[in-house]
N, C-alpha and C. Protein backbone atom coordinates (compact mmCIF):
# COMPACT_ATOMS: atom_id res chain seq x y z
N MET A 1 -0.66 -10.02 2.05
CA MET A 1 -0.06 -8.85 1.58
C MET A 1 -0.80 -7.51 2.22
N ALA A 2 -2.00 -7.81 2.89
CA ALA A 2 -2.67 -6.57 3.34
C ALA A 2 -1.86 -5.88 4.16
N GLY A 3 -2.03 -4.52 3.89
CA GLY A 3 -1.22 -3.46 4.78
C GLY A 3 0.14 -3.19 4.21
N ALA A 4 0.58 -4.03 3.13
CA ALA A 4 2.06 -3.68 2.40
C ALA A 4 1.91 -2.66 1.63
N LEU A 5 2.85 -1.83 1.53
CA LEU A 5 2.95 -0.61 0.49
C LEU A 5 2.93 -1.08 -0.80
N LEU A 6 2.56 -0.36 -1.85
CA LEU A 6 2.42 -0.55 -3.21
C LEU A 6 3.82 -1.13 -3.81
N GLY A 7 4.80 -0.55 -3.45
CA GLY A 7 6.21 -0.85 -4.09
C GLY A 7 6.40 -2.30 -3.54
N THR A 8 6.18 -2.71 -2.31
CA THR A 8 6.47 -3.95 -1.75
C THR A 8 5.61 -5.00 -2.39
N ARG A 9 4.23 -4.59 -2.66
CA ARG A 9 3.35 -5.60 -3.35
C ARG A 9 3.97 -5.92 -4.78
N ILE A 10 4.29 -4.98 -5.45
CA ILE A 10 4.90 -5.12 -6.80
C ILE A 10 6.16 -6.03 -6.57
N ARG A 11 7.07 -5.73 -5.79
CA ARG A 11 8.24 -6.50 -5.66
C ARG A 11 7.98 -8.19 -5.37
N GLU A 12 6.94 -8.21 -4.35
CA GLU A 12 6.58 -9.60 -4.01
C GLU A 12 5.84 -10.36 -5.35
N ASN A 13 5.15 -9.68 -5.98
CA ASN A 13 4.50 -10.34 -7.25
C ASN A 13 5.57 -10.62 -8.20
N ARG A 14 6.35 -9.65 -8.48
CA ARG A 14 7.68 -9.89 -9.42
C ARG A 14 8.48 -11.16 -8.85
N LYS A 15 8.74 -11.26 -7.78
CA LYS A 15 9.62 -12.37 -7.29
C LYS A 15 8.87 -13.54 -7.40
N ALA A 16 7.50 -13.66 -7.26
CA ALA A 16 6.77 -14.87 -7.28
C ALA A 16 6.74 -15.34 -8.59
N LEU A 17 6.88 -14.31 -9.76
CA LEU A 17 6.97 -14.94 -11.15
C LEU A 17 8.43 -15.10 -11.48
N GLN A 18 9.41 -14.83 -10.55
CA GLN A 18 10.73 -15.04 -10.71
C GLN A 18 11.31 -14.23 -11.88
N LEU A 19 10.83 -13.08 -11.89
CA LEU A 19 11.21 -12.00 -12.84
C LEU A 19 12.23 -11.10 -12.22
N SER A 20 13.37 -10.70 -13.03
CA SER A 20 14.23 -9.75 -12.59
C SER A 20 13.65 -8.39 -12.61
N GLN A 21 14.18 -7.52 -11.83
CA GLN A 21 13.69 -5.97 -12.01
C GLN A 21 13.88 -5.66 -13.54
N LYS A 22 15.00 -5.88 -14.09
CA LYS A 22 15.16 -5.56 -15.49
C LYS A 22 14.10 -6.04 -16.28
N ASP A 23 13.72 -7.41 -16.22
CA ASP A 23 12.79 -7.95 -17.18
C ASP A 23 11.30 -7.29 -16.88
N LEU A 24 10.94 -7.21 -15.67
CA LEU A 24 9.56 -6.44 -15.32
C LEU A 24 9.73 -4.97 -15.71
N ALA A 25 10.85 -4.23 -15.57
CA ALA A 25 10.92 -2.89 -16.09
C ALA A 25 10.61 -2.84 -17.71
N GLN A 26 11.58 -3.69 -18.36
CA GLN A 26 11.37 -3.70 -19.79
C GLN A 26 9.97 -4.05 -20.28
N ALA A 27 9.29 -4.96 -19.68
CA ALA A 27 7.85 -5.46 -20.00
C ALA A 27 6.94 -4.22 -19.77
N ALA A 28 7.22 -3.42 -18.63
CA ALA A 28 6.27 -2.36 -18.39
C ALA A 28 6.71 -1.10 -19.04
N GLY A 29 7.78 -0.95 -19.68
CA GLY A 29 8.24 0.13 -20.44
C GLY A 29 8.78 1.28 -19.47
N LEU A 30 9.66 0.66 -18.49
CA LEU A 30 10.09 1.63 -17.48
C LEU A 30 11.69 1.30 -17.37
N SER A 31 12.48 2.07 -16.73
CA SER A 31 13.99 1.87 -16.61
C SER A 31 13.99 1.02 -15.25
N ALA A 32 14.97 0.20 -15.18
CA ALA A 32 15.23 -0.67 -14.05
C ALA A 32 15.40 0.17 -12.84
N SER A 33 16.14 1.18 -13.02
CA SER A 33 16.37 2.02 -11.75
C SER A 33 15.07 2.65 -11.34
N TYR A 34 14.21 3.11 -12.14
CA TYR A 34 12.98 3.62 -11.62
C TYR A 34 12.01 2.56 -10.97
N LEU A 35 12.02 1.44 -11.63
CA LEU A 35 11.35 0.39 -10.94
C LEU A 35 11.95 -0.09 -9.62
N ASN A 36 13.19 0.09 -9.48
CA ASN A 36 13.95 -0.17 -8.27
C ASN A 36 13.19 0.80 -7.14
N LEU A 37 13.42 2.10 -7.56
CA LEU A 37 12.74 3.25 -6.69
C LEU A 37 11.30 2.86 -6.21
N ILE A 38 10.52 2.42 -7.21
CA ILE A 38 9.14 2.26 -6.82
C ILE A 38 8.96 1.03 -5.95
N GLU A 39 9.85 -0.02 -6.09
CA GLU A 39 9.71 -1.34 -5.26
C GLU A 39 10.21 -0.98 -3.84
N HIS A 40 11.02 -0.07 -3.84
CA HIS A 40 11.53 0.38 -2.41
C HIS A 40 10.85 1.64 -1.83
N ASN A 41 9.57 1.91 -2.22
CA ASN A 41 8.62 2.78 -1.92
C ASN A 41 9.30 4.17 -1.82
N LYS A 42 10.20 4.48 -2.67
CA LYS A 42 10.75 5.84 -2.64
C LYS A 42 10.18 6.61 -3.67
N ARG A 43 9.25 6.29 -4.74
CA ARG A 43 8.67 7.03 -5.70
C ARG A 43 7.20 6.33 -5.75
N GLY A 44 6.30 7.38 -5.92
CA GLY A 44 4.98 6.97 -6.12
C GLY A 44 4.76 6.67 -7.57
N ILE A 45 3.62 6.13 -7.91
CA ILE A 45 3.35 5.94 -9.32
C ILE A 45 1.94 6.31 -9.54
N GLY A 46 1.66 6.67 -10.89
CA GLY A 46 0.40 7.11 -11.29
C GLY A 46 -0.34 5.99 -12.00
N GLY A 47 -1.60 6.08 -12.54
CA GLY A 47 -2.41 5.16 -12.98
C GLY A 47 -1.82 4.32 -14.28
N LYS A 48 -1.22 5.07 -15.20
CA LYS A 48 -0.68 4.57 -16.29
C LYS A 48 0.48 3.73 -15.96
N THR A 49 1.38 4.06 -15.08
CA THR A 49 2.51 3.26 -14.58
C THR A 49 1.95 2.04 -13.86
N LEU A 50 1.12 2.19 -13.02
CA LEU A 50 0.40 1.02 -12.43
C LEU A 50 -0.15 0.00 -13.26
N ASN A 51 -0.91 0.63 -14.15
CA ASN A 51 -1.45 -0.30 -15.34
C ASN A 51 -0.63 -1.07 -16.03
N ALA A 52 0.63 -0.49 -16.35
CA ALA A 52 1.70 -1.06 -17.22
C ALA A 52 2.33 -2.06 -16.41
N ILE A 53 2.67 -1.78 -15.15
CA ILE A 53 3.24 -2.99 -14.30
C ILE A 53 2.38 -4.02 -14.01
N ALA A 54 1.20 -3.81 -13.67
CA ALA A 54 0.11 -4.87 -13.50
C ALA A 54 -0.25 -5.73 -14.75
N ARG A 55 -0.07 -5.06 -15.91
CA ARG A 55 -0.18 -5.93 -17.15
C ARG A 55 1.01 -6.83 -17.24
N ALA A 56 2.26 -6.17 -17.10
CA ALA A 56 3.48 -7.05 -17.12
C ALA A 56 3.53 -8.23 -16.02
N LEU A 57 2.90 -7.97 -14.93
CA LEU A 57 2.83 -9.06 -13.98
C LEU A 57 1.60 -10.07 -14.26
N GLN A 58 0.91 -9.67 -15.18
CA GLN A 58 -0.41 -10.38 -15.71
C GLN A 58 -1.31 -10.54 -14.45
N ILE A 59 -1.65 -9.35 -13.85
CA ILE A 59 -2.60 -9.21 -12.87
C ILE A 59 -3.51 -8.01 -12.97
N GLU A 60 -4.41 -7.86 -12.33
CA GLU A 60 -5.16 -6.57 -12.37
C GLU A 60 -4.54 -5.63 -11.47
N PRO A 61 -4.68 -4.25 -11.79
CA PRO A 61 -4.18 -3.21 -10.91
C PRO A 61 -4.74 -3.23 -9.55
N SER A 62 -5.98 -3.68 -9.41
CA SER A 62 -6.72 -3.56 -8.12
C SER A 62 -6.08 -4.73 -7.30
N ASP A 63 -5.33 -5.77 -7.88
CA ASP A 63 -4.68 -6.80 -7.11
C ASP A 63 -3.51 -6.22 -6.24
N LEU A 64 -2.96 -5.07 -6.83
CA LEU A 64 -1.87 -4.50 -6.13
C LEU A 64 -2.49 -3.34 -5.26
N THR A 65 -3.57 -2.81 -5.29
CA THR A 65 -3.96 -1.65 -4.65
C THR A 65 -5.11 -2.05 -3.52
N GLU A 66 -5.55 -3.21 -3.62
CA GLU A 66 -6.68 -3.63 -2.91
C GLU A 66 -6.37 -3.46 -1.34
N GLY A 67 -7.23 -2.72 -0.59
CA GLY A 67 -7.14 -2.56 0.83
C GLY A 67 -6.13 -1.58 1.20
N MET A 68 -5.54 -0.89 0.18
CA MET A 68 -4.30 0.15 0.63
C MET A 68 -4.96 1.35 1.36
N ASN A 69 -6.23 1.74 1.12
CA ASN A 69 -6.78 3.02 1.60
C ASN A 69 -7.46 2.74 3.03
N GLN A 70 -7.24 1.58 3.60
CA GLN A 70 -7.95 1.23 4.92
C GLN A 70 -6.98 1.81 5.95
N ALA A 71 -7.58 2.05 7.08
CA ALA A 71 -6.71 2.47 8.12
C ALA A 71 -6.11 1.35 8.88
């Protein structure tokens, strides 16, 4: 997943757990439409939202962001 955008990483992790967008959004306290925008890299997210999504995916936020700032 190195080099993948954050939304793409979230989508890949969600699919690996066989969760629907609706289920992940509900678990993270988001709307499914907002999660869809995040997963398609059309909306950025802040730390609170990142933490909520990571918690719902049962991973650490760093698992989603690792290596993202590298050129």
